[in-house]
């Protein structure tokens, strides 16, 4: 899987896809999120980022430009967001 996108756009998407906020927990309402593991799918010059649980799913699409190689993987956003680096276009 190969793709190129702006690092701030990817970072914002990885944060948003966790859907952090107030929600129902085992002990009432509290801080919740869908979790840190997300699925990345590159297909047709689009990066689709999926996250969900047994009651709710969310998908974000980022349009890609440049070279892409279709594929998919699952990543932990807490570590993945720290490992990609910014490479300015030449």
N, C-alpha and C. Protein backbone atom coordinates (compact mmCIF):
# COMPACT_ATOMS: atom_id res chain seq x y z
N UNK A 1 0.85 -1.17 0.00
CA UNK A 1 0.00 0.00 0.00
C UNK A 1 0.90 1.23 0.00
N UNK A 2 0.71 2.09 -0.98
CA UNK A 2 1.48 3.32 -1.10
C UNK A 2 0.51 4.48 -1.32
N UNK A 3 0.73 5.58 -0.59
CA UNK A 3 -0.07 6.78 -0.82
C UNK A 3 0.69 7.99 -0.30
N UNK A 4 0.31 9.15 -0.82
CA UNK A 4 0.89 10.41 -0.37
C UNK A 4 -0.25 11.35 -0.02
N UNK A 5 -0.14 11.99 1.14
CA UNK A 5 -1.11 13.00 1.55
C UNK A 5 -0.42 13.96 2.50
N UNK A 6 -1.05 15.08 2.78
CA UNK A 6 -0.49 16.06 3.71
C UNK A 6 -0.54 15.49 5.12
N UNK A 7 0.57 15.64 5.86
CA UNK A 7 0.66 15.04 7.19
C UNK A 7 -0.38 15.61 8.15
N UNK A 8 -0.65 16.93 8.07
CA UNK A 8 -1.64 17.50 8.98
C UNK A 8 -3.05 16.99 8.68
N UNK A 9 -3.34 16.75 7.40
CA UNK A 9 -4.64 16.21 7.02
C UNK A 9 -4.81 14.78 7.56
N UNK A 10 -3.75 13.97 7.45
CA UNK A 10 -3.80 12.60 7.96
C UNK A 10 -3.88 12.59 9.48
N UNK A 11 -3.11 13.43 10.12
CA UNK A 11 -3.13 13.51 11.59
C UNK A 11 -4.51 13.91 12.10
N UNK A 12 -5.13 14.90 11.47
CA UNK A 12 -6.47 15.35 11.87
C UNK A 12 -7.50 14.24 11.66
N UNK A 13 -7.38 13.51 10.55
CA UNK A 13 -8.31 12.41 10.27
C UNK A 13 -8.16 11.30 11.30
N UNK A 14 -6.92 10.97 11.68
CA UNK A 14 -6.70 9.90 12.65
C UNK A 14 -7.22 10.28 14.03
N UNK A 15 -7.19 11.56 14.35
CA UNK A 15 -7.76 12.03 15.62
C UNK A 15 -9.28 12.02 15.56
N UNK A 16 -9.84 12.53 14.47
CA UNK A 16 -11.30 12.62 14.32
C UNK A 16 -11.97 11.26 14.29
N UNK A 17 -11.32 10.28 13.67
CA UNK A 17 -11.92 8.96 13.48
C UNK A 17 -12.14 8.22 14.81
N UNK A 18 -11.50 8.69 15.87
CA UNK A 18 -11.69 8.06 17.18
C UNK A 18 -13.01 8.48 17.84
N UNK A 19 -13.65 9.53 17.34
CA UNK A 19 -14.94 10.03 17.80
C UNK A 19 -14.95 10.15 19.33
N UNK A 20 -14.05 10.98 19.84
CA UNK A 20 -13.97 11.19 21.29
C UNK A 20 -15.08 12.14 21.73
N UNK A 21 -15.64 11.88 22.90
CA UNK A 21 -16.69 12.74 23.44
C UNK A 21 -17.43 12.06 24.55
N UNK A 22 -18.57 12.60 24.89
CA UNK A 22 -19.40 12.03 25.95
C UNK A 22 -20.29 10.94 25.37
N UNK A 23 -20.42 9.86 26.12
CA UNK A 23 -21.26 8.77 25.66
C UNK A 23 -21.63 7.84 26.79
N UNK A 24 -22.39 6.84 26.48
CA UNK A 24 -22.85 5.87 27.47
C UNK A 24 -21.73 4.90 27.81
N UNK A 25 -21.49 4.73 29.10
CA UNK A 25 -20.50 3.76 29.59
C UNK A 25 -21.20 2.78 30.52
N UNK A 26 -20.47 1.83 31.04
CA UNK A 26 -21.04 0.85 31.97
C UNK A 26 -21.56 1.50 33.25
N UNK A 27 -21.02 2.66 33.60
CA UNK A 27 -21.44 3.33 34.83
C UNK A 27 -22.18 4.64 34.56
N UNK A 28 -22.85 4.76 33.41
CA UNK A 28 -23.58 5.97 33.07
C UNK A 28 -22.93 6.68 31.91
N UNK A 29 -22.97 8.02 31.92
CA UNK A 29 -22.34 8.81 30.87
C UNK A 29 -20.92 9.18 31.28
N UNK A 30 -20.03 9.23 30.30
CA UNK A 30 -18.65 9.61 30.57
C UNK A 30 -17.89 9.81 29.28
N UNK A 31 -16.59 10.03 29.40
CA UNK A 31 -15.74 10.20 28.22
C UNK A 31 -15.60 8.86 27.50
N UNK A 32 -15.82 8.87 26.20
CA UNK A 32 -15.73 7.64 25.41
C UNK A 32 -15.01 7.93 24.09
N UNK A 33 -14.61 6.88 23.44
CA UNK A 33 -14.10 6.95 22.08
C UNK A 33 -14.27 5.58 21.46
N UNK A 34 -14.20 5.53 20.13
CA UNK A 34 -14.35 4.24 19.46
C UNK A 34 -13.13 3.35 19.63
N UNK A 35 -12.02 3.91 19.95
CA UNK A 35 -10.82 3.13 20.10
C UNK A 35 -9.73 3.61 19.17
N UNK A 36 -8.54 3.08 19.38
CA UNK A 36 -7.40 3.58 18.64
C UNK A 36 -7.06 2.76 17.40
N UNK A 37 -7.62 1.57 17.25
CA UNK A 37 -7.32 0.75 16.08
C UNK A 37 -8.26 1.11 14.94
N UNK A 38 -7.69 1.45 13.77
CA UNK A 38 -8.48 1.83 12.61
C UNK A 38 -8.01 1.04 11.39
N UNK A 39 -8.90 0.91 10.41
CA UNK A 39 -8.56 0.25 9.16
C UNK A 39 -8.35 1.31 8.09
N UNK A 40 -7.22 1.19 7.37
CA UNK A 40 -6.90 2.08 6.26
C UNK A 40 -7.05 1.28 4.97
N UNK A 41 -7.78 1.85 4.00
CA UNK A 41 -7.97 1.20 2.70
C UNK A 41 -7.65 2.23 1.62
N UNK A 42 -6.72 1.88 0.73
CA UNK A 42 -6.41 2.73 -0.42
C UNK A 42 -6.99 2.06 -1.65
N UNK A 43 -7.91 2.78 -2.32
CA UNK A 43 -8.54 2.27 -3.52
C UNK A 43 -9.03 3.45 -4.35
N UNK A 44 -8.81 3.40 -5.66
CA UNK A 44 -9.28 4.43 -6.58
C UNK A 44 -8.87 5.84 -6.14
N UNK A 45 -7.61 6.03 -5.79
CA UNK A 45 -7.07 7.33 -5.37
C UNK A 45 -7.79 7.92 -4.17
N UNK A 46 -8.31 7.06 -3.30
CA UNK A 46 -8.97 7.49 -2.07
C UNK A 46 -8.43 6.68 -0.90
N UNK A 47 -8.08 7.38 0.17
CA UNK A 47 -7.72 6.73 1.43
C UNK A 47 -8.97 6.75 2.29
N UNK A 48 -9.51 5.57 2.60
CA UNK A 48 -10.67 5.45 3.48
C UNK A 48 -10.18 4.99 4.84
N UNK A 49 -10.61 5.69 5.88
CA UNK A 49 -10.24 5.35 7.25
C UNK A 49 -11.50 4.94 7.98
N UNK A 50 -11.52 3.72 8.51
CA UNK A 50 -12.69 3.14 9.18
C UNK A 50 -12.41 2.90 10.66
N UNK A 51 -13.42 3.12 11.48
CA UNK A 51 -13.36 2.77 12.90
C UNK A 51 -14.78 2.45 13.35
N UNK A 52 -14.91 1.64 14.38
CA UNK A 52 -16.24 1.33 14.87
C UNK A 52 -16.23 0.36 16.03
N UNK A 53 -17.42 0.12 16.53
CA UNK A 53 -17.62 -0.91 17.56
C UNK A 53 -18.91 -1.64 17.21
N UNK A 54 -19.49 -2.36 18.16
CA UNK A 54 -20.67 -3.17 17.83
C UNK A 54 -21.94 -2.34 17.63
N UNK A 55 -21.91 -1.03 17.85
CA UNK A 55 -23.11 -0.21 17.68
C UNK A 55 -22.94 0.97 16.73
N UNK A 56 -21.70 1.31 16.35
CA UNK A 56 -21.48 2.54 15.59
C UNK A 56 -20.23 2.40 14.72
N UNK A 57 -20.33 2.83 13.47
CA UNK A 57 -19.18 2.85 12.56
C UNK A 57 -19.02 4.24 11.97
N UNK A 58 -17.79 4.61 11.68
CA UNK A 58 -17.51 5.88 11.05
C UNK A 58 -16.44 5.67 9.98
N UNK A 59 -16.56 6.43 8.88
CA UNK A 59 -15.62 6.35 7.77
C UNK A 59 -15.28 7.76 7.32
N UNK A 60 -13.99 8.01 7.12
CA UNK A 60 -13.52 9.27 6.57
C UNK A 60 -12.76 8.98 5.29
N UNK A 61 -12.98 9.78 4.26
CA UNK A 61 -12.27 9.63 2.99
C UNK A 61 -11.36 10.81 2.76
N UNK A 62 -10.14 10.52 2.28
CA UNK A 62 -9.19 11.55 1.88
C UNK A 62 -8.84 11.28 0.42
N UNK A 63 -9.03 12.28 -0.44
CA UNK A 63 -8.67 12.13 -1.84
C UNK A 63 -7.16 12.22 -1.98
N UNK A 64 -6.59 11.26 -2.68
CA UNK A 64 -5.14 11.19 -2.84
C UNK A 64 -4.73 11.66 -4.22
N UNK A 65 -3.58 12.29 -4.30
CA UNK A 65 -2.99 12.67 -5.58
C UNK A 65 -1.60 12.05 -5.64
N UNK A 66 -1.13 11.81 -6.81
CA UNK A 66 0.18 11.20 -6.95
C UNK A 66 0.08 9.68 -6.99
N UNK A 67 1.21 9.03 -6.79
CA UNK A 67 1.29 7.58 -6.89
C UNK A 67 0.53 6.91 -5.74
N UNK A 68 -0.29 5.93 -6.07
CA UNK A 68 -0.95 5.11 -5.07
C UNK A 68 -0.83 3.65 -5.46
N UNK A 69 -0.84 2.81 -4.48
CA UNK A 69 -0.85 1.36 -4.67
C UNK A 69 -1.93 0.83 -3.74
N UNK A 70 -2.98 0.24 -4.30
CA UNK A 70 -4.13 -0.18 -3.51
C UNK A 70 -3.74 -1.24 -2.49
N UNK A 71 -4.42 -1.20 -1.35
CA UNK A 71 -4.19 -2.17 -0.30
C UNK A 71 -4.92 -1.74 0.96
N UNK A 72 -4.75 -2.51 2.02
CA UNK A 72 -5.39 -2.19 3.29
C UNK A 72 -4.52 -2.67 4.44
N UNK A 73 -4.74 -2.06 5.60
CA UNK A 73 -4.05 -2.48 6.82
C UNK A 73 -4.80 -1.92 8.02
N UNK A 74 -4.49 -2.45 9.19
CA UNK A 74 -5.04 -1.95 10.45
C UNK A 74 -3.88 -1.37 11.24
N UNK A 75 -4.09 -0.16 11.77
CA UNK A 75 -3.04 0.51 12.54
C UNK A 75 -3.58 1.00 13.87
N UNK A 76 -2.68 1.15 14.82
CA UNK A 76 -2.99 1.75 16.12
C UNK A 76 -2.67 3.23 16.00
N UNK A 77 -3.69 4.08 16.08
CA UNK A 77 -3.48 5.51 15.86
C UNK A 77 -2.58 6.14 16.91
N UNK A 78 -2.48 5.56 18.09
CA UNK A 78 -1.64 6.16 19.12
C UNK A 78 -0.16 6.06 18.76
N UNK A 79 0.23 5.05 18.01
CA UNK A 79 1.63 4.92 17.60
C UNK A 79 1.83 5.32 16.14
N UNK A 80 0.87 5.02 15.28
CA UNK A 80 1.01 5.31 13.85
C UNK A 80 1.14 6.80 13.59
N UNK A 81 0.36 7.61 14.27
CA UNK A 81 0.40 9.05 14.06
C UNK A 81 1.76 9.63 14.41
N UNK A 82 2.50 8.98 15.29
CA UNK A 82 3.83 9.45 15.68
C UNK A 82 4.91 8.97 14.73
N UNK A 83 4.63 7.90 13.93
CA UNK A 83 5.68 7.31 13.13
C UNK A 83 5.76 7.84 11.70
N UNK A 84 4.65 8.41 11.16
CA UNK A 84 4.77 8.92 9.81
C UNK A 84 5.48 10.27 9.87
N UNK A 85 6.25 10.52 8.84
CA UNK A 85 7.03 11.76 8.83
C UNK A 85 6.57 12.67 7.71
N UNK A 86 6.86 13.91 7.85
CA UNK A 86 6.50 14.91 6.86
C UNK A 86 7.63 15.02 5.84
N UNK A 87 7.30 14.82 4.59
CA UNK A 87 8.28 14.98 3.52
C UNK A 87 7.74 16.03 2.55
N UNK A 88 8.32 17.22 2.55
CA UNK A 88 7.80 18.27 1.69
C UNK A 88 7.95 17.92 0.21
N UNK A 89 6.99 18.36 -0.59
CA UNK A 89 7.03 18.13 -2.03
C UNK A 89 8.16 18.94 -2.63
N UNK A 90 8.83 18.36 -3.59
CA UNK A 90 9.96 19.05 -4.25
C UNK A 90 9.50 19.59 -5.58
